[in-house]
Amino acid sequence: MGSQVQVTDELHDYMVAHGTPLDDIAAELVAETQALGDVSEMLTTADQAGLLTTLTRLVSARRAVEIGTFTGFSALAIARGLADDGQLICLDASEEWTAIGRKYWERAGVSDKVELRIGDGHALAASLNGSFDLAFVDADKPGYVDYFEKLVPLIRPNGILLFDNTLAGGRVVNADGPADRKEFNAHIAADKRVDVTILGIGDGLTLVRKK
């Protein structure tokens, strides 16, 4: 068994620096989001964005769904990985934050691939139909089990689902750690319909393969 690398801030910066760099459009979107202040903590990390684009390409995704779009950084990453005729449906409650993303999707030439639906995430997820190749969820954490149960039947075999913030800064191992994350992690680990891997990237990113 190999030794476990401790990912310090310095090492994380090195890993990001030696991955595919953000282009000017993505970098400007990150900068505008960070200028919003504390709310920018909801921003997907650069290494997660790179992984989203790569995974979208690896599964040859033509149809994807995102729940929790914020300022559109992760949506930009997914849309860039889609097939030329691909579609990404984004579900979010905020017109304000997603309006920022719309500008950058247009600049990046992917706006025709993105369909934004505004409203309650759970109600919007319940209205989804058809088959999807990929799903990314970065929304209300107590709702993760519900999102998972709504999405799994819609994902094609060998398609993938990704859930962000599943390690809660490492607090999931504490006795007083977030119950919603603990419940979700245990729920999907026991589900025979999927394979589950939790990645130590960002605040914890769970990769789920539909069998």
Protein backbone atom coordinates (compact mmCIF):
# COMPACT_ATOMS: atom_id res chain seq x y z
CA MET A 1 0.00 0.00 0.00
CA GLY A 2 1.47 3.37 -1.04
CA SER A 3 1.92 6.26 1.31
CA GLN A 4 -0.69 9.04 1.43
CA VAL A 5 0.42 12.46 0.21
CA GLN A 6 -0.54 15.36 2.47
CA VAL A 7 -1.92 18.04 0.15
CA THR A 8 -0.68 21.30 1.64
CA ASP A 9 -1.66 24.67 0.21
CA GLU A 10 1.75 24.87 -1.45
CA LEU A 11 1.38 21.43 -3.03
CA HIS A 12 -2.15 22.23 -4.18
CA ASP A 13 -0.90 25.40 -5.88
CA TYR A 14 1.79 23.30 -7.58
CA MET A 15 -0.81 20.78 -8.79
CA VAL A 16 -3.02 23.52 -10.22
CA ALA A 17 -0.02 25.24 -11.85
CA HIS A 18 0.96 21.99 -13.58
CA GLY A 19 -2.50 21.21 -14.89
CA THR A 20 -4.16 22.71 -17.95
CA PRO A 21 -4.29 26.45 -17.21
CA LEU A 22 -7.46 28.52 -17.27
CA ASP A 23 -7.86 30.56 -20.42
CA ASP A 24 -8.55 34.29 -20.24
CA ILE A 25 -12.35 33.90 -20.25
CA ALA A 26 -12.40 31.39 -17.40
CA ALA A 27 -9.82 33.39 -15.44
CA GLU A 28 -11.87 36.57 -15.77
CA LEU A 29 -15.00 34.75 -14.61
CA VAL A 30 -13.11 33.50 -11.54
CA ALA A 31 -11.84 37.02 -10.81
CA GLU A 32 -15.31 38.58 -11.12
CA THR A 33 -16.74 35.91 -8.82
CA GLN A 34 -13.99 36.33 -6.22
CA ALA A 35 -14.68 40.08 -6.20
CA LEU A 36 -18.16 39.32 -4.82
CA GLY A 37 -16.67 38.66 -1.37
CA ASP A 38 -17.51 35.83 1.02
CA VAL A 39 -20.15 34.33 -1.29
CA SER A 40 -17.31 33.44 -3.69
CA GLU A 41 -16.60 30.44 -1.42
CA MET A 42 -19.25 28.67 -3.50
CA LEU A 43 -16.99 28.87 -6.56
CA THR A 44 -15.78 25.59 -8.01
CA THR A 45 -11.99 25.27 -7.83
CA ALA A 46 -9.81 25.47 -10.94
CA ASP A 47 -8.68 21.85 -10.63
CA GLN A 48 -12.28 20.69 -10.31
CA ALA A 49 -13.18 22.66 -13.43
CA GLY A 50 -10.39 20.97 -15.35
CA LEU A 51 -11.58 17.58 -14.16
CA LEU A 52 -15.17 18.37 -15.17
CA THR A 53 -14.12 19.20 -18.73
CA THR A 54 -11.96 16.07 -18.96
CA LEU A 55 -14.65 13.75 -17.59
CA THR A 56 -17.27 15.26 -19.88
CA ARG A 57 -15.01 14.48 -22.84
CA LEU A 58 -14.08 11.03 -21.55
CA VAL A 59 -17.70 9.87 -21.44
CA SER A 60 -18.40 11.59 -24.79
CA ALA A 61 -21.24 13.45 -23.11
CA ARG A 62 -23.94 14.89 -25.34
CA ARG A 63 -26.46 15.65 -22.59
CA ALA A 64 -25.57 16.86 -19.09
CA VAL A 65 -27.31 18.47 -16.13
CA GLU A 66 -25.98 20.72 -13.40
CA ILE A 67 -27.79 21.50 -10.16
CA GLY A 68 -26.36 24.64 -8.55
CA THR A 69 -24.79 26.91 -11.16
CA PHE A 70 -23.84 30.02 -9.12
CA THR A 71 -21.82 32.28 -11.48
CA GLY A 72 -21.43 29.66 -14.17
CA PHE A 73 -17.79 28.58 -13.82
CA SER A 74 -18.48 24.85 -13.56
CA ALA A 75 -21.13 25.12 -16.29
CA LEU A 76 -18.53 26.70 -18.56
CA ALA A 77 -16.18 23.79 -17.87
CA ILE A 78 -18.84 21.16 -18.64
CA ALA A 79 -20.15 22.94 -21.73
CA ARG A 80 -16.65 23.11 -23.16
CA GLY A 81 -16.35 19.33 -22.86
CA LEU A 82 -19.65 18.54 -24.57
CA ALA A 83 -20.02 17.32 -28.13
CA ASP A 84 -20.66 20.05 -30.70
CA ASP A 85 -24.40 19.35 -30.56
CA GLY A 86 -24.39 18.77 -26.80
CA GLN A 87 -26.77 20.23 -24.23
CA LEU A 88 -26.23 21.25 -20.61
CA ILE A 89 -29.32 21.96 -18.51
CA CYS A 90 -28.49 24.20 -15.53
CA LEU A 91 -30.84 24.38 -12.54
CA ASP A 92 -30.43 27.28 -10.13
CA ALA A 93 -32.51 29.55 -7.89
CA SER A 94 -30.69 32.83 -8.61
CA GLU A 95 -31.18 35.10 -11.60
CA GLU A 96 -28.54 37.44 -10.16
CA TRP A 97 -25.60 35.04 -9.91
CA THR A 98 -26.35 33.12 -13.10
CA ALA A 99 -26.54 36.39 -15.06
CA ILE A 100 -22.80 36.66 -14.52
CA GLY A 101 -22.29 33.22 -16.04
CA ARG A 102 -24.41 34.01 -19.10
CA LYS A 103 -21.94 36.72 -20.16
CA TYR A 104 -19.01 34.34 -20.09
CA TRP A 105 -20.86 31.46 -21.78
CA GLU A 106 -21.59 33.87 -24.62
CA ARG A 107 -17.97 35.01 -24.83
CA ALA A 108 -16.75 31.40 -24.83
CA GLY A 109 -19.13 30.46 -27.63
CA VAL A 110 -20.99 27.82 -25.61
CA SER A 111 -24.21 29.69 -24.78
CA ASP A 112 -26.12 27.72 -27.41
CA LYS A 113 -25.29 24.53 -25.47
CA VAL A 114 -26.57 25.83 -22.11
CA GLU A 115 -30.23 25.90 -21.08
CA LEU A 116 -30.71 27.72 -17.77
CA ARG A 117 -33.80 26.94 -15.69
CA ILE A 118 -34.48 29.15 -12.67
CA GLY A 119 -36.48 27.94 -9.68
CA ASP A 120 -36.43 25.44 -6.82
CA GLY A 121 -33.75 22.86 -7.52
CA HIS A 122 -35.75 19.89 -6.27
CA ALA A 123 -38.86 20.80 -8.25
CA LEU A 124 -36.79 21.44 -11.37
CA ALA A 125 -34.92 18.15 -10.93
CA ALA A 126 -38.22 16.32 -10.63
CA SER A 127 -39.28 17.75 -14.00
CA LEU A 128 -36.22 16.45 -15.87
CA ASN A 129 -36.81 13.78 -18.47
CA GLY A 130 -34.83 11.79 -20.99
CA SER A 131 -31.37 10.32 -20.53
CA PHE A 132 -28.22 12.10 -19.36
CA ASP A 133 -24.56 11.18 -19.66
CA LEU A 134 -23.28 13.34 -16.80
CA ALA A 135 -24.62 15.23 -13.78
CA PHE A 136 -22.87 17.69 -11.48
CA VAL A 137 -24.45 18.71 -8.18
CA ASP A 138 -23.23 21.64 -6.10
CA ALA A 139 -26.41 22.81 -4.39
CA ASP A 140 -28.09 22.61 -0.96
CA LYS A 141 -26.24 19.90 0.93
CA PRO A 142 -29.23 18.56 2.94
CA GLY A 143 -30.87 17.89 -0.43
CA TYR A 144 -28.11 15.69 -1.83
CA VAL A 145 -29.85 12.36 -1.14
CA ASP A 146 -32.98 13.63 -2.88
CA TYR A 147 -30.98 14.89 -5.87
CA PHE A 148 -29.14 11.57 -6.09
CA GLU A 149 -32.39 9.59 -6.09
CA LYS A 150 -33.90 11.83 -8.76
CA LEU A 151 -30.83 11.72 -10.99
CA VAL A 152 -29.71 8.08 -10.89
CA PRO A 153 -32.67 6.79 -12.96
CA LEU A 154 -31.91 9.46 -15.60
CA ILE A 155 -28.21 8.66 -16.01
CA ARG A 156 -27.37 6.16 -18.72
CA PRO A 157 -25.35 3.05 -17.81
CA ASN A 158 -21.67 3.98 -17.43
CA GLY A 159 -22.63 7.64 -17.12
CA ILE A 160 -21.34 9.65 -14.18
CA LEU A 161 -22.61 11.87 -11.39
CA LEU A 162 -20.43 14.25 -9.39
CA PHE A 163 -21.27 15.78 -6.01
CA ASP A 164 -19.22 18.65 -4.58
CA ASN A 165 -18.29 19.46 -0.95
CA THR A 166 -18.76 15.90 0.29
CA LEU A 167 -15.84 15.99 2.75
CA ALA A 168 -16.84 19.31 4.34
CA GLY A 169 -13.27 20.43 4.86
CA GLY A 170 -12.45 17.08 6.47
CA ARG A 171 -15.09 17.52 9.16
CA VAL A 172 -17.04 14.42 8.07
CA VAL A 173 -14.77 12.29 10.27
CA ASN A 174 -15.57 14.31 13.39
CA ALA A 175 -18.30 13.25 15.79
CA ASP A 176 -19.93 16.66 15.39
CA GLY A 177 -19.33 16.77 11.63
CA PRO A 178 -22.14 17.76 9.22
CA ALA A 179 -24.91 15.18 9.44
CA ASP A 180 -26.16 15.90 5.93
CA ARG A 181 -22.81 14.99 4.32
CA LYS A 182 -22.42 11.91 6.52
CA GLU A 183 -25.91 10.74 5.62
CA PHE A 184 -25.31 11.28 1.91
CA ASN A 185 -21.91 9.58 1.86
CA ALA A 186 -23.28 6.53 3.67
CA HIS A 187 -26.41 6.45 1.49
CA ILE A 188 -24.62 6.26 -1.84
CA ALA A 189 -21.84 3.96 -0.59
CA ALA A 190 -24.54 1.36 0.13
CA ASP A 191 -26.33 1.77 -3.21
CA LYS A 192 -25.79 -1.26 -5.48
CA ARG A 193 -26.71 0.69 -8.63
CA VAL A 194 -23.48 2.66 -8.59
CA ASP A 195 -19.73 2.63 -7.98
CA VAL A 196 -18.51 5.44 -5.71
CA THR A 197 -15.12 7.13 -5.30
CA ILE A 198 -14.53 10.19 -3.12
CA LEU A 199 -11.73 12.38 -4.43
CA GLY A 200 -9.71 14.66 -2.15
CA ILE A 201 -10.06 17.57 -4.54
CA GLY A 202 -11.49 20.95 -3.53
CA ASP A 203 -13.77 20.35 -0.55
CA GLY A 204 -14.27 16.73 -1.51
CA LEU A 205 -15.69 15.64 -4.87
CA THR A 206 -17.60 12.37 -5.09
CA LEU A 207 -17.43 10.57 -8.43
CA VAL A 208 -20.28 8.14 -9.04
CA ARG A 209 -20.54 5.69 -11.96
CA LYS A 210 -23.94 4.33 -12.89
CA LYS A 211 -23.62 0.56 -13.42
